[in-house]
Amino acid sequence: MSNSRVTDEEIVHRVLNGDVDLFAEIVRRYQRKIFNIGIMFFRNSDDAWDFAQEVFVRAYEALNSFKGKSKFSFWFTKIAYNHGINMAKSGVKPESLIEHASEGDSPHESFVHGEIRDALKRAVELLPENFRVCVDLYFFYGLSYAEISEITGYPVNTIKSNMFRAKQVLRDKLKGTIAEDYHEM
């Protein structure tokens, strides 16, 4: 069976049962996501890659603590986020990451997506940290309010309030820009 068809949870089970080389599949699947979380906390790719390597080591060492009560991707994201928060407490400021345009876009669509991405990035960077974290995890990592609560320790109602206020601030900041009518906010 191809590794691409094996679930994360099955890979974890197999790694814990001695097939340690299979952890490379976890690295392949998550290296971009973990790197992007590193970019959220750092302003350069070298530090983000170093961060990603540390997260993979931490996850590997803690693999036996994964009990399957949540999806592996959530468990792994939580490890990365918590590591980033711990590093941020030591003085590193987080940076928001806006996804890039799709590869199939026309040149005009790519330009528009790039302009929207840049405007959003500038606006999100100006948000207070507690708003920015909620926006990043919800919009850019696709986590639910409950998952964000689990990761950040914020109560769900606080997350809802932060998201509501962040959307208001972003709408105001995006007025008059190409991203003014961006509908996901």
Protein backbone atom coordinates (compact mmCIF):
# COMPACT_ATOMS: atom_id res chain seq x y z
CA MET A 1 0.00 0.00 0.00
CA SER A 2 1.25 3.48 -0.91
CA ASN A 3 2.15 5.71 2.03
CA SER A 4 -0.02 8.48 0.55
CA ARG A 5 -3.13 6.36 1.23
CA VAL A 6 -2.21 5.52 4.81
CA THR A 7 -3.82 7.75 7.45
CA ASP A 8 -1.69 9.81 9.80
CA GLU A 9 -3.02 7.77 12.69
CA GLU A 10 -1.97 4.50 11.03
CA ILE A 11 1.51 5.93 10.40
CA VAL A 12 1.77 6.87 14.08
CA HIS A 13 0.73 3.35 15.07
CA ARG A 14 3.30 1.81 12.74
CA VAL A 15 6.09 4.16 13.88
CA LEU A 16 5.34 3.33 17.52
CA ASN A 17 5.53 -0.36 16.60
CA GLY A 18 9.05 -0.05 15.19
CA ASP A 19 8.67 1.23 11.61
CA VAL A 20 10.46 4.48 12.55
CA ASP A 21 11.48 5.24 8.96
CA LEU A 22 7.80 5.85 8.21
CA PHE A 23 7.99 9.07 10.25
CA ALA A 24 9.53 10.57 7.08
CA GLU A 25 6.01 10.43 5.60
CA ILE A 26 4.75 12.62 8.47
CA VAL A 27 7.58 15.05 7.72
CA ARG A 28 6.67 15.05 4.01
CA ARG A 29 2.99 15.66 4.76
CA TYR A 30 3.48 18.40 7.33
CA GLN A 31 6.73 20.16 6.49
CA ARG A 32 5.03 23.02 4.61
CA LYS A 33 2.36 23.50 7.30
CA ILE A 34 4.88 23.51 10.14
CA PHE A 35 7.18 25.81 8.17
CA ASN A 36 4.20 28.17 7.69
CA ILE A 37 3.54 28.17 11.43
CA GLY A 38 7.22 29.03 11.86
CA ILE A 39 6.76 31.93 9.44
CA MET A 40 3.85 33.07 11.61
CA PHE A 41 6.27 33.45 14.52
CA PHE A 42 9.43 34.50 12.66
CA ARG A 43 10.16 36.92 9.88
CA ASN A 44 12.59 34.79 7.90
CA SER A 45 12.67 31.35 6.35
CA ASP A 46 15.93 30.23 7.99
CA ASP A 47 14.43 30.57 11.47
CA ALA A 48 11.15 29.05 10.27
CA TRP A 49 12.98 25.95 8.95
CA ASP A 50 14.94 25.66 12.20
CA PHE A 51 11.64 25.95 14.07
CA ALA A 52 10.10 23.23 11.87
CA GLN A 53 12.99 20.87 12.57
CA GLU A 54 12.61 21.42 16.31
CA VAL A 55 8.86 20.77 16.07
CA PHE A 56 9.40 17.50 14.18
CA VAL A 57 11.88 16.34 16.82
CA ARG A 58 9.48 17.30 19.62
CA ALA A 59 6.57 15.55 17.91
CA TYR A 60 8.61 12.41 17.30
CA GLU A 61 9.73 12.33 20.93
CA ALA A 62 6.13 12.84 22.12
CA LEU A 63 4.52 10.47 19.61
CA ASN A 64 3.57 7.96 22.28
CA SER A 65 1.45 10.67 23.95
CA PHE A 66 -0.83 10.82 20.89
CA LYS A 67 -3.88 8.85 22.00
CA GLY A 68 -6.09 9.38 18.94
CA LYS A 69 -8.72 11.37 20.85
CA SER A 70 -8.38 14.11 18.23
CA LYS A 71 -7.08 14.13 14.68
CA PHE A 72 -3.31 13.81 14.41
CA SER A 73 -3.13 17.03 12.39
CA PHE A 74 -4.73 18.91 15.32
CA TRP A 75 -2.39 17.28 17.86
CA PHE A 76 0.63 18.12 15.71
CA THR A 77 -0.50 21.71 15.06
CA LYS A 78 -0.94 22.19 18.80
CA ILE A 79 2.65 21.07 19.44
CA ALA A 80 3.92 23.51 16.80
CA TYR A 81 1.79 26.39 18.03
CA ASN A 82 2.75 25.86 21.68
CA HIS A 83 6.43 25.70 20.74
CA GLY A 84 6.04 28.93 18.79
CA ILE A 85 4.28 30.61 21.71
CA ASN A 86 7.06 29.54 24.07
CA MET A 87 9.63 30.99 21.70
CA ALA A 88 7.58 34.19 21.31
CA LYS A 89 7.53 34.62 25.08
CA SER A 90 11.29 34.81 24.88
CA GLY A 91 11.02 37.90 22.66
CA VAL A 92 10.15 36.74 19.14
CA LYS A 93 7.14 38.53 17.61
CA PRO A 94 4.74 36.43 15.49
CA GLU A 95 4.06 37.26 11.84
CA SER A 96 0.86 36.38 10.00
CA LEU A 97 0.98 34.19 6.93
CA ILE A 98 -1.37 34.71 4.01
CA GLU A 99 -1.66 31.82 1.55
CA HIS A 100 -0.48 32.24 -2.00
CA ALA A 101 -2.63 32.21 -5.12
CA SER A 102 -3.38 28.89 -6.79
CA GLU A 103 -1.00 27.61 -9.44
CA GLY A 104 -3.84 27.38 -12.01
CA ASP A 105 -4.65 31.09 -11.84
CA SER A 106 -4.28 33.27 -14.93
CA PRO A 107 -1.63 36.02 -14.77
CA HIS A 108 -4.35 38.58 -14.01
CA GLU A 109 -5.87 36.39 -11.28
CA SER A 110 -2.39 35.80 -9.82
CA PHE A 111 -1.78 39.55 -9.75
CA VAL A 112 -5.13 40.23 -8.07
CA HIS A 113 -4.60 37.42 -5.55
CA GLY A 114 -1.12 38.77 -4.80
CA GLU A 115 -2.45 42.29 -4.25
CA ILE A 116 -5.25 41.00 -2.01
CA ARG A 117 -2.76 38.81 -0.11
CA ASP A 118 -0.42 41.76 0.45
CA ALA A 119 -3.23 44.05 1.62
CA LEU A 120 -4.56 41.36 3.96
CA LYS A 121 -1.09 40.63 5.30
CA ARG A 122 -0.48 44.30 6.09
CA ALA A 123 -3.89 44.60 7.77
CA VAL A 124 -3.57 41.37 9.78
CA GLU A 125 -0.08 42.36 10.98
CA LEU A 126 -1.59 45.49 12.53
CA LEU A 127 -4.12 43.52 14.60
CA PRO A 128 -3.51 43.06 18.33
CA GLU A 129 -1.78 39.72 18.94
CA ASN A 130 -4.83 38.03 20.52
CA PHE A 131 -6.93 38.91 17.44
CA ARG A 132 -4.15 37.97 14.99
CA VAL A 133 -3.66 34.51 16.50
CA CYS A 134 -7.39 33.74 16.24
CA VAL A 135 -7.55 35.00 12.64
CA ASP A 136 -4.44 33.03 11.63
CA LEU A 137 -5.62 29.77 13.15
CA TYR A 138 -9.20 30.09 11.90
CA PHE A 139 -8.75 31.40 8.36
CA PHE A 140 -5.29 30.22 7.41
CA TYR A 141 -5.11 26.89 9.24
CA GLY A 142 -8.81 26.01 9.09
CA LEU A 143 -9.21 25.28 12.80
CA SER A 144 -12.57 25.45 14.56
CA TYR A 145 -13.21 27.72 17.54
CA ALA A 146 -13.05 24.68 19.83
CA GLU A 147 -9.67 23.67 18.38
CA ILE A 148 -8.35 27.23 18.70
CA SER A 149 -9.54 27.23 22.32
CA GLU A 150 -7.72 23.96 22.97
CA ILE A 151 -4.51 25.30 21.45
CA THR A 152 -4.51 28.84 22.85
CA GLY A 153 -6.31 28.33 26.14
CA TYR A 154 -8.72 31.16 25.27
CA PRO A 155 -12.39 30.40 26.07
CA VAL A 156 -14.53 29.82 22.95
CA ASN A 157 -16.58 32.97 23.65
CA THR A 158 -13.38 35.01 23.82
CA ILE A 159 -12.32 33.58 20.46
CA LYS A 160 -15.72 34.46 18.96
CA SER A 161 -15.41 37.97 20.34
CA ASN A 162 -11.82 38.32 19.08
CA MET A 163 -12.86 37.12 15.62
CA PHE A 164 -15.83 39.50 15.49
CA ARG A 165 -13.69 42.46 16.53
CA ALA A 166 -10.83 41.44 14.22
CA LYS A 167 -13.21 41.27 11.25
CA GLN A 168 -14.49 44.77 12.06
CA VAL A 169 -10.94 46.13 12.30
CA LEU A 170 -9.91 44.37 9.07
CA ARG A 171 -12.93 45.72 7.17
CA ASP A 172 -12.00 49.24 8.27
CA LYS A 173 -8.32 48.79 7.40
CA LEU A 174 -9.13 47.28 3.98
CA LYS A 175 -11.46 50.09 2.87
CA GLY A 176 -10.14 51.65 -0.29
CA THR A 177 -7.82 48.72 -1.06
CA ILE A 178 -8.14 45.96 -3.63
CA ALA A 179 -9.05 43.63 -0.75
CA GLU A 180 -12.01 45.76 0.39
CA ASP A 181 -14.51 43.26 -1.04
CA TYR A 182 -12.62 40.16 0.10
CA HIS A 183 -15.57 38.01 1.14
CA GLU A 184 -13.97 35.50 3.50
CA MET A 185 -13.67 38.16 6.21
